[in-house]
Every structure is written in C-alpha cells, then in structure tokens.
PDB file of N, CA and C in Angstrom:
ATOM      1  N   MET A   1       0.854  -1.171   0.000  1.00  0.00           N
ATOM      2  CA  MET A   1       0.000   0.000   0.000  1.00  0.00           C
ATOM      3  C   MET A   1       0.902   1.237   0.000  1.00  0.00           C
ATOM      4  N   SER A   2       0.523   2.262  -0.735  1.00  0.00           N
ATOM      5  CA  SER A   2       1.348   3.474  -0.821  1.00  0.00           C
ATOM      6  C   SER A   2       0.644   4.660  -0.176  1.00  0.00           C
ATOM      7  N   ASP A   3       1.404   5.736   0.022  1.00  0.00           N
ATOM      8  CA  ASP A   3       0.841   6.965   0.571  1.00  0.00           C
ATOM      9  C   ASP A   3      -0.273   7.476  -0.336  1.00  0.00           C
ATOM     10  N   LYS A   4      -1.275   8.118   0.269  1.00  0.00           N
ATOM     11  CA  LYS A   4      -2.384   8.706  -0.491  1.00  0.00           C
ATOM     12  C   LYS A   4      -2.416  10.206  -0.254  1.00  0.00           C
ATOM     13  N   THR A   5      -2.769  10.952  -1.283  1.00  0.00           N
ATOM     14  CA  THR A   5      -2.962  12.390  -1.139  1.00  0.00           C
ATOM     15  C   THR A   5      -4.462  12.632  -1.000  1.00  0.00           C
ATOM     16  N   LEU A   6      -4.851  13.258   0.111  1.00  0.00           N
ATOM     17  CA  LEU A   6      -6.260  13.552   0.389  1.00  0.00           C
ATOM     18  C   LEU A   6      -6.466  15.054   0.449  1.00  0.00           C
ATOM     19  N   THR A   7      -7.717  15.491   0.343  1.00  0.00           N
ATOM     20  CA  THR A   7      -8.059  16.912   0.417  1.00  0.00           C
ATOM     21  C   THR A   7      -8.848  17.177   1.694  1.00  0.00           C
ATOM     22  N   CYS A   8      -8.417  18.172   2.454  1.00  0.00           N
ATOM     23  CA  CYS A   8      -9.057  18.532   3.727  1.00  0.00           C
ATOM     24  C   CYS A   8     -10.446  19.120   3.466  1.00  0.00           C
ATOM     25  N   ARG A   9     -11.430  18.639   4.204  1.00  0.00           N
ATOM     26  CA  ARG A   9     -12.804  19.128   4.042  1.00  0.00           C
ATOM     27  C   ARG A   9     -12.994  20.532   4.614  1.00  0.00           C
ATOM     28  N   ASP A  10     -12.106  20.959   5.534  1.00  0.00           N
ATOM     29  CA  ASP A  10     -12.249  22.275   6.149  1.00  0.00           C
ATOM     30  C   ASP A  10     -11.533  23.375   5.374  1.00  0.00           C
ATOM     31  N   CYS A  11     -10.247  23.153   5.072  1.00  0.00           N
ATOM     32  CA  CYS A  11      -9.459  24.223   4.440  1.00  0.00           C
ATOM     33  C   CYS A  11      -9.169  23.980   2.965  1.00  0.00           C
ATOM     34  N   GLY A  12      -9.437  22.763   2.476  1.00  0.00           N
ATOM     35  CA  GLY A  12      -9.212  22.462   1.068  1.00  0.00           C
ATOM     36  C   GLY A  12      -7.779  22.121   0.712  1.00  0.00           C
ATOM     37  N   ALA A  13      -6.884  22.114   1.686  1.00  0.00           N
ATOM     38  CA  ALA A  13      -5.477  21.803   1.421  1.00  0.00           C
ATOM     39  C   ALA A  13      -5.298  20.303   1.214  1.00  0.00           C
ATOM     40  N   GLU A  14      -4.323  19.953   0.388  1.00  0.00           N
ATOM     41  CA  GLU A  14      -3.987  18.547   0.212  1.00  0.00           C
ATOM     42  C   GLU A  14      -3.054  18.122   1.340  1.00  0.00           C
ATOM     43  N   PHE A  15      -3.203  16.881   1.806  1.00  0.00           N
ATOM     44  CA  PHE A  15      -2.316  16.342   2.830  1.00  0.00           C
ATOM     45  C   PHE A  15      -2.067  14.877   2.556  1.00  0.00           C
ATOM     46  N   LEU A  16      -0.992  14.364   3.093  1.00  0.00           N
ATOM     47  CA  LEU A  16      -0.565  13.004   2.852  1.00  0.00           C
ATOM     48  C   LEU A  16      -1.123  12.069   3.922  1.00  0.00           C
ATOM     49  N   PHE A  17      -1.727  10.984   3.490  1.00  0.00           N
ATOM     50  CA  PHE A  17      -2.191   9.916   4.370  1.00  0.00           C
ATOM     51  C   PHE A  17      -1.180   8.780   4.172  1.00  0.00           C
ATOM     52  N   THR A  18      -0.192   8.718   5.056  1.00  0.00           N
ATOM     53  CA  THR A  18       0.949   7.825   4.858  1.00  0.00           C
ATOM     54  C   THR A  18       0.573   6.355   5.048  1.00  0.00           C
ATOM     55  N   GLU A  19       1.471   5.486   4.604  1.00  0.00           N
ATOM     56  CA  GLU A  19       1.269   4.043   4.787  1.00  0.00           C
ATOM     57  C   GLU A  19       1.141   3.703   6.265  1.00  0.00           C
ATOM     58  N   ASN A  20       1.977   4.321   7.104  1.00  0.00           N
ATOM     59  CA  ASN A  20       1.917   4.062   8.551  1.00  0.00           C
ATOM     60  C   ASN A  20       0.584   4.498   9.139  1.00  0.00           C
ATOM     61  N   GLU A  21       0.091   5.664   8.712  1.00  0.00           N
ATOM     62  CA  GLU A  21      -1.214   6.123   9.207  1.00  0.00           C
ATOM     63  C   GLU A  21      -2.326   5.184   8.750  1.00  0.00           C
ATOM     64  N   GLN A  22      -2.235   4.711   7.523  1.00  0.00           N
ATOM     65  CA  GLN A  22      -3.238   3.776   7.008  1.00  0.00           C
ATOM     66  C   GLN A  22      -3.230   2.481   7.818  1.00  0.00           C
ATOM     67  N   ALA A  23      -2.037   1.994   8.154  1.00  0.00           N
ATOM     68  CA  ALA A  23      -1.920   0.785   8.970  1.00  0.00           C
ATOM     69  C   ALA A  23      -2.518   1.021  10.358  1.00  0.00           C
ATOM     70  N   PHE A  24      -2.252   2.199  10.933  1.00  0.00           N
ATOM     71  CA  PHE A  24      -2.822   2.548  12.240  1.00  0.00           C
ATOM     72  C   PHE A  24      -4.349   2.553  12.168  1.00  0.00           C
ATOM     73  N   TYR A  25      -4.917   3.158  11.127  1.00  0.00           N
ATOM     74  CA  TYR A  25      -6.367   3.206  10.970  1.00  0.00           C
ATOM     75  C   TYR A  25      -6.944   1.794  10.861  1.00  0.00           C
ATOM     76  N   ARG A  26      -6.279   0.919  10.088  1.00  0.00           N
ATOM     77  CA  ARG A  26      -6.741  -0.460   9.956  1.00  0.00           C
ATOM     78  C   ARG A  26      -6.684  -1.175  11.298  1.00  0.00           C
ATOM     79  N   GLU A  27      -5.565  -0.994  12.020  1.00  0.00           N
ATOM     80  CA  GLU A  27      -5.382  -1.647  13.319  1.00  0.00           C
ATOM     81  C   GLU A  27      -6.466  -1.227  14.311  1.00  0.00           C
ATOM     82  N   LYS A  28      -6.861   0.042  14.284  1.00  0.00           N
ATOM     83  CA  LYS A  28      -7.887   0.560  15.196  1.00  0.00           C
ATOM     84  C   LYS A  28      -9.304   0.250  14.722  1.00  0.00           C
ATOM     85  N   GLY A  29      -9.433  -0.272  13.504  1.00  0.00           N
ATOM     86  CA  GLY A  29     -10.754  -0.618  12.982  1.00  0.00           C
ATOM     87  C   GLY A  29     -11.506   0.555  12.397  1.00  0.00           C
ATOM     88  N   PHE A  30     -10.806   1.661  12.126  1.00  0.00           N
ATOM     89  CA  PHE A  30     -11.467   2.826  11.533  1.00  0.00           C
ATOM     90  C   PHE A  30     -11.873   2.489  10.103  1.00  0.00           C
ATOM     91  N   GLN A  31     -13.104   2.805   9.752  1.00  0.00           N
ATOM     92  CA  GLN A  31     -13.626   2.492   8.425  1.00  0.00           C
ATOM     93  C   GLN A  31     -13.339   3.585   7.401  1.00  0.00           C
ATOM     94  N   ASN A  32     -13.212   4.822   7.843  1.00  0.00           N
ATOM     95  CA  ASN A  32     -13.063   5.957   6.928  1.00  0.00           C
ATOM     96  C   ASN A  32     -11.672   6.566   7.005  1.00  0.00           C
ATOM     97  N   GLU A  33     -11.257   7.137   5.894  1.00  0.00           N
ATOM     98  CA  GLU A  33      -9.999   7.873   5.861  1.00  0.00           C
ATOM     99  C   GLU A  33     -10.208   9.209   6.567  1.00  0.00           C
ATOM    100  N   PRO A  34      -9.113   9.853   7.015  1.00  0.00           N
ATOM    101  CA  PRO A  34      -9.272  11.164   7.662  1.00  0.00           C
ATOM    102  C   PRO A  34      -9.857  12.175   6.684  1.00  0.00           C
ATOM    103  N   GLN A  35     -10.694  13.051   7.184  1.00  0.00           N
ATOM    104  CA  GLN A  35     -11.340  14.067   6.365  1.00  0.00           C
ATOM    105  C   GLN A  35     -10.664  15.427   6.485  1.00  0.00           C
ATOM    106  N   ARG A  36      -9.838  15.588   7.528  1.00  0.00           N
ATOM    107  CA  ARG A  36      -9.184  16.875   7.784  1.00  0.00           C
ATOM    108  C   ARG A  36      -7.672  16.706   7.803  1.00  0.00           C
ATOM    109  N   CYS A  37      -6.974  17.751   7.398  1.00  0.00           N
ATOM    110  CA  CYS A  37      -5.511  17.757   7.447  1.00  0.00           C
ATOM    111  C   CYS A  37      -5.080  17.808   8.916  1.00  0.00           C
ATOM    112  N   PRO A  38      -3.824  17.484   9.209  1.00  0.00           N
ATOM    113  CA  PRO A  38      -3.376  17.502  10.612  1.00  0.00           C
ATOM    114  C   PRO A  38      -3.619  18.834  11.325  1.00  0.00           C
ATOM    115  N   ASN A  39      -3.429  19.969  10.646  1.00  0.00           N
ATOM    116  CA  ASN A  39      -3.660  21.274  11.289  1.00  0.00           C
ATOM    117  C   ASN A  39      -5.129  21.468  11.636  1.00  0.00           C
ATOM    118  N   CYS A  40      -6.033  21.123  10.730  1.00  0.00           N
ATOM    119  CA  CYS A  40      -7.469  21.289  11.006  1.00  0.00           C
ATOM    120  C   CYS A  40      -7.954  20.285  12.055  1.00  0.00           C
ATOM    121  N   ARG A  41      -7.370  19.069  12.067  1.00  0.00           N
ATOM    122  CA  ARG A  41      -7.716  18.092  13.110  1.00  0.00           C
ATOM    123  C   ARG A  41      -7.322  18.632  14.477  1.00  0.00           C
ATOM    124  N   ALA A  42      -6.115  19.196  14.574  1.00  0.00           N
ATOM    125  CA  ALA A  42      -5.646  19.754  15.850  1.00  0.00           C
ATOM    126  C   ALA A  42      -6.521  20.934  16.273  1.00  0.00           C
ATOM    127  N   ALA A  43      -6.896  21.784  15.324  1.00  0.00           N
ATOM    128  CA  ALA A  43      -7.748  22.939  15.638  1.00  0.00           C
ATOM    129  C   ALA A  43      -9.110  22.478  16.135  1.00  0.00           C
ATOM    130  N   LYS A  44      -9.658  21.435  15.523  1.00  0.00           N
ATOM    131  CA  LYS A  44     -10.961  20.922  15.952  1.00  0.00           C
ATOM    132  C   LYS A  44     -10.875  20.354  17.368  1.00  0.00           C
ATOM    133  N   LYS A  45      -9.807  19.610  17.657  1.00  0.00           N
ATOM    134  CA  LYS A  45      -9.625  19.062  19.009  1.00  0.00           C
ATOM    135  C   LYS A  45      -9.503  20.178  20.038  1.00  0.00           C
ATOM    136  N   ASP A  46      -8.782  21.245  19.688  1.00  0.00           N
ATOM    137  CA  ASP A  46      -8.644  22.384  20.600  1.00  0.00           C
ATOM    138  C   ASP A  46      -9.998  23.033  20.878  1.00  0.00           C
ATOM    139  N   ARG A  47     -10.801  23.211  19.843  1.00  0.00           N
ATOM    140  CA  ARG A  47     -12.145  23.800  20.033  1.00  0.00           C
ATOM    141  C   ARG A  47     -12.991  22.930  20.943  1.00  0.00           C
ATOM    142  N   GLN A  48     -12.926  21.620  20.749  1.00  0.00           N
ATOM    143  CA  GLN A  48     -13.719  20.719  21.579  1.00  0.00           C
ATOM    144  C   GLN A  48     -13.220  20.713  23.016  1.00  0.00           C
ATOM    145  N   ARG A  49     -11.907  20.743  23.190  1.00  0.00           N
ATOM    146  CA  ARG A  49     -11.324  20.736  24.531  1.00  0.00           C
ATOM    147  C   ARG A  49     -11.665  22.019  25.287  1.00  0.00           C
ATOM    148  N   ASP A  50     -11.782  23.137  24.560  1.00  0.00           N
ATOM    149  CA  ASP A  50     -12.103  24.418  25.175  1.00  0.00           C
ATOM    150  C   ASP A  50     -13.587  24.609  25.405  1.00  0.00           C
ATOM    151  N   GLY A  51     -14.383  23.572  25.185  1.00  0.00           N
ATOM    152  CA  GLY A  51     -15.814  23.655  25.434  1.00  0.00           C
ATOM    153  C   GLY A  51     -16.615  24.135  24.252  1.00  0.00           C
ATOM    154  N   GLY A  52     -15.992  24.378  23.129  1.00  0.00           N
ATOM    155  CA  GLY A  52     -16.717  24.802  21.942  1.00  0.00           C
ATOM    156  C   GLY A  52     -17.504  23.648  21.362  1.00  0.00           C
ATOM    157  N   ARG A  53     -18.596  23.953  20.747  1.00  0.00           N
ATOM    158  CA  ARG A  53     -19.411  22.920  20.115  1.00  0.00           C
ATOM    159  C   ARG A  53     -19.099  22.915  18.640  1.00  0.00           C
ATOM    160  N   ASP A  54     -18.922  21.729  18.098  1.00  0.00           N
ATOM    161  CA  ASP A  54     -18.587  21.620  16.687  1.00  0.00           C
ATOM    162  C   ASP A  54     -19.338  20.433  16.106  1.00  0.00           C
ATOM    163  N   GLY A  55     -19.463  20.392  14.808  1.00  0.00           N
ATOM    164  CA  GLY A  55     -20.104  19.256  14.171  1.00  0.00           C
ATOM    165  C   GLY A  55     -21.602  19.421  14.134  1.00  0.00           C
ATOM    166  N   TYR A  56     -22.316  18.379  14.453  1.00  0.00           N
ATOM    167  CA  TYR A  56     -23.775  18.373  14.292  1.00  0.00           C
ATOM    168  C   TYR A  56     -24.500  19.298  15.254  1.00  0.00           C
ATOM    169  N   GLY A  57     -23.927  19.556  16.417  1.00  0.00           N
ATOM    170  CA  GLY A  57     -24.602  20.394  17.398  1.00  0.00           C
ATOM    171  C   GLY A  57     -24.583  21.873  17.079  1.00  0.00           C
ATOM    172  N   GLY A  58     -23.692  22.302  16.188  1.00  0.00           N
ATOM    173  CA  GLY A  58     -23.579  23.723  15.890  1.00  0.00           C
ATOM    174  C   GLY A  58     -22.924  24.450  17.045  1.00  0.00           C
ATOM    175  N   GLY A  59     -22.602  25.711  16.851  1.00  0.00           N
ATOM    176  CA  GLY A  59     -21.976  26.471  17.914  1.00  0.00           C
ATOM    177  C   GLY A  59     -23.022  27.154  18.776  1.00  0.00           C
ATOM    178  N   TYR A  60     -23.008  26.878  20.049  1.00  0.00           N
ATOM    179  CA  TYR A  60     -23.950  27.534  20.950  1.00  0.00           C
ATOM    180  C   TYR A  60     -23.361  27.578  22.352  1.00  0.00           C
ATOM    181  N   ALA A  61     -23.813  28.553  23.108  1.00  0.00           N
ATOM    182  CA  ALA A  61     -23.378  28.666  24.500  1.00  0.00           C
ATOM    183  C   ALA A  61     -24.307  27.818  25.364  1.00  0.00           C
ATOM    184  N   ARG A  62     -23.755  27.167  26.341  1.00  0.00           N
ATOM    185  CA  ARG A  62     -24.558  26.326  27.218  1.00  0.00           C
ATOM    186  C   ARG A  62     -25.459  27.188  28.088  1.00  0.00           C
ATOM    187  N   GLN A  63     -26.700  26.807  28.193  1.00  0.00           N
ATOM    188  CA  GLN A  63     -27.677  27.505  29.041  1.00  0.00           C
ATOM    189  C   GLN A  63     -27.333  27.238  30.500  1.00  0.00           C
ATOM    190  N   MET A  64     -27.200  28.299  31.280  1.00  0.00           N
ATOM    191  CA  MET A  64     -26.906  28.163  32.704  1.00  0.00           C
ATOM    192  C   MET A  64     -28.102  28.681  33.506  1.00  0.00           C
ATOM    193  N   TYR A  65     -28.338  28.076  34.662  1.00  0.00           N
ATOM    194  CA  TYR A  65     -29.479  28.433  35.499  1.00  0.00           C
ATOM    195  C   TYR A  65     -28.994  28.848  36.882  1.00  0.00           C
ATOM    196  N   PRO A  66     -29.596  29.901  37.449  1.00  0.00           N
ATOM    197  CA  PRO A  66     -29.207  30.327  38.798  1.00  0.00           C
ATOM    198  C   PRO A  66     -29.692  29.317  39.837  1.00  0.00           C
ATOM    199  N   ALA A  67     -28.916  29.166  40.905  1.00  0.00           N
ATOM    200  CA  ALA A  67     -29.280  28.242  41.983  1.00  0.00           C
ATOM    201  C   ALA A  67     -28.610  28.702  43.266  1.00  0.00           C
ATOM    202  N   VAL A  68     -29.073  28.161  44.379  1.00  0.00           N
ATOM    203  CA  VAL A  68     -28.472  28.427  45.683  1.00  0.00           C
ATOM    204  C   VAL A  68     -27.930  27.108  46.202  1.00  0.00           C
ATOM    205  N   CYS A  69     -26.657  27.097  46.604  1.00  0.00           N
ATOM    206  CA  CYS A  69     -26.006  25.893  47.102  1.00  0.00           C
ATOM    207  C   CYS A  69     -26.711  25.409  48.367  1.00  0.00           C
ATOM    208  N   ALA A  70     -27.068  24.135  48.399  1.00  0.00           N
ATOM    209  CA  ALA A  70     -27.767  23.551  49.541  1.00  0.00           C
ATOM    210  C   ALA A  70     -26.864  23.411  50.757  1.00  0.00           C
ATOM    211  N   GLN A  71     -25.544  23.448  50.566  1.00  0.00           N
ATOM    212  CA  GLN A  71     -24.624  23.276  51.692  1.00  0.00           C
ATOM    213  C   GLN A  71     -24.167  24.604  52.279  1.00  0.00           C
ATOM    214  N   CYS A  72     -23.698  25.542  51.430  1.00  0.00           N
ATOM    215  CA  CYS A  72     -23.133  26.788  51.963  1.00  0.00           C
ATOM    216  C   CYS A  72     -24.041  28.005  51.749  1.00  0.00           C
ATOM    217  N   GLY A  73     -25.087  27.871  50.923  1.00  0.00           N
ATOM    218  CA  GLY A  73     -26.029  28.963  50.708  1.00  0.00           C
ATOM    219  C   GLY A  73     -25.586  30.000  49.689  1.00  0.00           C
ATOM    220  N   ARG A  74     -24.438  29.786  49.029  1.00  0.00           N
ATOM    221  CA  ARG A  74     -23.933  30.727  48.027  1.00  0.00           C
ATOM    222  C   ARG A  74     -24.733  30.640  46.733  1.00  0.00           C
ATOM    223  N   GLN A  75     -24.839  31.787  46.034  1.00  0.00           N
ATOM    224  CA  GLN A  75     -25.431  31.812  44.697  1.00  0.00           C
ATOM    225  C   GLN A  75     -24.469  31.132  43.731  1.00  0.00           C
ATOM    226  N   THR A  76     -24.999  30.333  42.822  1.00  0.00           N
ATOM    227  CA  THR A  76     -24.173  29.658  41.834  1.00  0.00           C
ATOM    228  C   THR A  76     -24.977  29.497  40.551  1.00  0.00           C
ATOM    229  N   GLU A  77     -24.343  28.959  39.529  1.00  0.00           N
ATOM    230  CA  GLU A  77     -25.030  28.647  38.271  1.00  0.00           C
ATOM    231  C   GLU A  77     -24.738  27.198  37.941  1.00  0.00           C
ATOM    232  N   VAL A  78     -25.750  26.529  37.388  1.00  0.00           N
ATOM    233  CA  VAL A  78     -25.618  25.126  37.004  1.00  0.00           C
ATOM    234  C   VAL A  78     -26.129  24.940  35.579  1.00  0.00           C
ATOM    235  N   PRO A  79     -25.630  23.923  34.855  1.00  0.00           N
ATOM    236  CA  PRO A  79     -26.030  23.722  33.462  1.00  0.00           C
ATOM    237  C   PRO A  79     -27.311  22.906  33.296  1.00  0.00           C
ATOM    238  N   PHE A  80     -28.145  22.887  34.320  1.00  0.00           N
ATOM    239  CA  PHE A  80     -29.433  22.182  34.247  1.00  0.00           C
ATOM    240  C   PHE A  80     -30.451  22.972  35.055  1.00  0.00           C
ATOM    241  N   ARG A  81     -31.710  22.758  34.777  1.00  0.00           N
ATOM    242  CA  ARG A  81     -32.761  23.450  35.501  1.00  0.00           C
ATOM    243  C   ARG A  81     -32.912  22.801  36.878  1.00  0.00           C
ATOM    244  N   PRO A  82     -32.613  23.542  37.949  1.00  0.00           N
ATOM    245  CA  PRO A  82     -32.700  22.954  39.293  1.00  0.00           C
ATOM    246  C   PRO A  82     -34.125  22.532  39.635  1.00  0.00           C
ATOM    247  N   SER A  83     -34.220  21.421  40.316  1.00  0.00           N
ATOM    248  CA  SER A  83     -35.515  20.918  40.769  1.00  0.00           C
ATOM    249  C   SER A  83     -35.658  21.264  42.251  1.00  0.00           C
ATOM    250  N   PRO A  84     -36.822  21.779  42.658  1.00  0.00           N
ATOM    251  CA  PRO A  84     -36.971  22.190  44.063  1.00  0.00           C
ATOM    252  C   PRO A  84     -36.830  21.040  45.062  1.00  0.00           C
ATOM    253  N   ASP A  85     -37.056  19.804  44.640  1.00  0.00           N
ATOM    254  CA  ASP A  85     -36.993  18.673  45.568  1.00  0.00           C
ATOM    255  C   ASP A  85     -35.618  17.991  45.616  1.00  0.00           C
ATOM    256  N   LYS A  86     -34.628  18.538  44.881  1.00  0.00           N
ATOM    257  CA  LYS A  86     -33.283  17.954  44.899  1.00  0.00           C
ATOM    258  C   LYS A  86     -32.257  19.036  45.223  1.00  0.00           C
ATOM    259  N   PRO A  87     -31.246  18.699  46.063  1.00  0.00           N
ATOM    260  CA  PRO A  87     -30.245  19.703  46.413  1.00  0.00           C
ATOM    261  C   PRO A  87     -29.322  20.015  45.235  1.00  0.00           C
ATOM    262  N   VAL A  88     -28.848  21.241  45.206  1.00  0.00           N
ATOM    263  CA  VAL A  88     -27.871  21.695  44.212  1.00  0.00           C
ATOM    264  C   VAL A  88     -26.685  22.231  44.995  1.00  0.00           C
ATOM    265  N   TYR A  89     -25.471  21.925  44.518  1.00  0.00           N
ATOM    266  CA  TYR A  89     -24.267  22.349  45.208  1.00  0.00           C
ATOM    267  C   TYR A  89     -23.413  23.225  44.307  1.00  0.00           C
ATOM    268  N   CYS A  90     -22.705  24.176  44.914  1.00  0.00           N
ATOM    269  CA  CYS A  90     -21.762  24.997  44.160  1.00  0.00           C
ATOM    270  C   CYS A  90     -20.538  24.148  43.830  1.00  0.00           C
ATOM    271  N   LYS A  91     -19.652  24.692  43.034  1.00  0.00           N
ATOM    272  CA  LYS A  91     -18.450  23.969  42.607  1.00  0.00           C
ATOM    273  C   LYS A  91     -17.608  23.526  43.803  1.00  0.00           C
ATOM    274  N   ASP A  92     -17.471  24.398  44.805  1.00  0.00           N
ATOM    275  CA  ASP A  92     -16.641  24.077  45.964  1.00  0.00           C
ATOM    276  C   ASP A  92     -17.241  22.983  46.844  1.00  0.00           C
ATOM    277  N   CYS A  93     -18.553  22.992  47.000  1.00  0.00           N
ATOM    278  CA  CYS A  93     -19.204  22.018  47.885  1.00  0.00           C
ATOM    279  C   CYS A  93     -19.527  20.694  47.183  1.00  0.00           C
ATOM    280  N   PHE A  94     -19.548  20.710  45.866  1.00  0.00           N
ATOM    281  CA  PHE A  94     -19.938  19.505  45.125  1.00  0.00           C
ATOM    282  C   PHE A  94     -18.966  18.356  45.349  1.00  0.00           C
ATOM    283  N   GLN A  95     -17.676  18.640  45.366  1.00  0.00           N
ATOM    284  CA  GLN A  95     -16.672  17.603  45.519  1.00  0.00           C
ATOM    285  C   GLN A  95     -16.177  17.581  46.960  1.00  0.00           C
ATOM    286  N   PRO A  96     -16.138  16.422  47.597  1.00  0.00           N
ATOM    287  CA  PRO A  96     -15.648  16.352  48.986  1.00  0.00           C
ATOM    288  C   PRO A  96     -14.243  16.923  49.115  1.00  0.00           C
ATOM    289  N   LYS A  97     -13.969  17.539  50.260  1.00  0.00           N
ATOM    290  CA  LYS A  97     -12.691  18.209  50.478  1.00  0.00           C
ATOM    291  C   LYS A  97     -11.489  17.276  50.309  1.00  0.00           C
ATOM    292  N   GLU A  98     -11.584  16.033  50.763  1.00  0.00           N
ATOM    293  CA  GLU A  98     -10.433  15.141  50.658  1.00  0.00           C
ATOM    294  C   GLU A  98     -10.108  14.802  49.204  1.00  0.00           C
ATOM    295  N   ARG A  99     -11.086  14.774  48.338  1.00  0.00           N
ATOM    296  CA  ARG A  99     -10.826  14.520  46.913  1.00  0.00           C
ATOM    297  C   ARG A  99     -10.232  15.749  46.253  1.00  0.00           C
ATOM    298  N   ARG A 100     -10.670  16.955  46.656  1.00  0.00           N
ATOM    299  CA  ARG A 100     -10.146  18.185  46.069  1.00  0.00           C
ATOM    300  C   ARG A 100      -8.638  18.322  46.298  1.00  0.00           C
ATOM    301  N   ARG A 101      -8.183  17.959  47.496  1.00  0.00           N
ATOM    302  CA  ARG A 101      -6.767  18.055  47.817  1.00  0.00           C
ATOM    303  C   ARG A 101      -5.933  17.160  46.904  1.00  0.00           C
ATOM    304  N   ASP A 102      -6.400  15.959  46.599  1.00  0.00           N
ATOM    305  CA  ASP A 102      -5.658  15.009  45.774  1.00  0.00           C
ATOM    306  C   ASP A 102      -5.641  15.407  44.311  1.00  0.00           C
ATOM    307  N   ARG A 103      -6.511  16.289  43.934  1.00  0.00           N
ATOM    308  CA  ARG A 103      -6.684  16.615  42.531  1.00  0.00           C
ATOM    309  C   ARG A 103      -5.513  17.427  41.968  1.00  0.00           C
ATOM    310  N   TYR A 104      -4.848  18.247  42.786  1.00  0.00           N
ATOM    311  CA  TYR A 104      -3.801  19.121  42.262  1.00  0.00           C
ATOM    312  C   TYR A 104      -2.452  18.790  42.813  1.00  0.00           C
TER     313      TYR A 104
END
C-alpha cells in the first residue's frame, strides 16, 4: 500500500495519508480515511477541549441556570434546571474536600 494524497474538508489543502497512518487506521478498525488535514484536526480538538461545540450540534453557548447551594447557601449557576426537591451544590461544595486536595 502506498501513501495517499487527500483533500481537507475544512481548508481544502492537500495532505498526505501515509502508509503508517493507514496501517494505524486499519489496526484501530477505523472504516473511513481522515477528512481533515493535521492542522485542522488539531484545531478541531482544541475547540472541543475548550468547550466549543462543533459538528452536528452547531456552535452555541450552554444555558446556565441560577441556583443556591444547599450546603453553603452561596449563589451559583448550574447547566441544568434545578428541581426544588433535589439539592444543588456549588463547585466548591460539590466535591468532597479530601478529593479536592488530591486533585492538584
């Protein structure tokens, strides 16, 4: 099998799909060839990692709802509509203190 020249769906640039990459795709069971060049793939991953929405969902900001923390009473915002019969916690109270220390 030889290297293939593909065209990026985002920027239109040609890029090389090497024999090694093709073998990797086969080994992982991927059915399709890459659609984006390495630069556009990296840019897409960065957008997704930064919380941006891409692809079928379109770009939108997440709806946030005001709430009062059931533990400390502080005002906070949550990404779901709070239910009056269930407690809501702020970022600080949501995770137990002993786990927070181990995190950093």
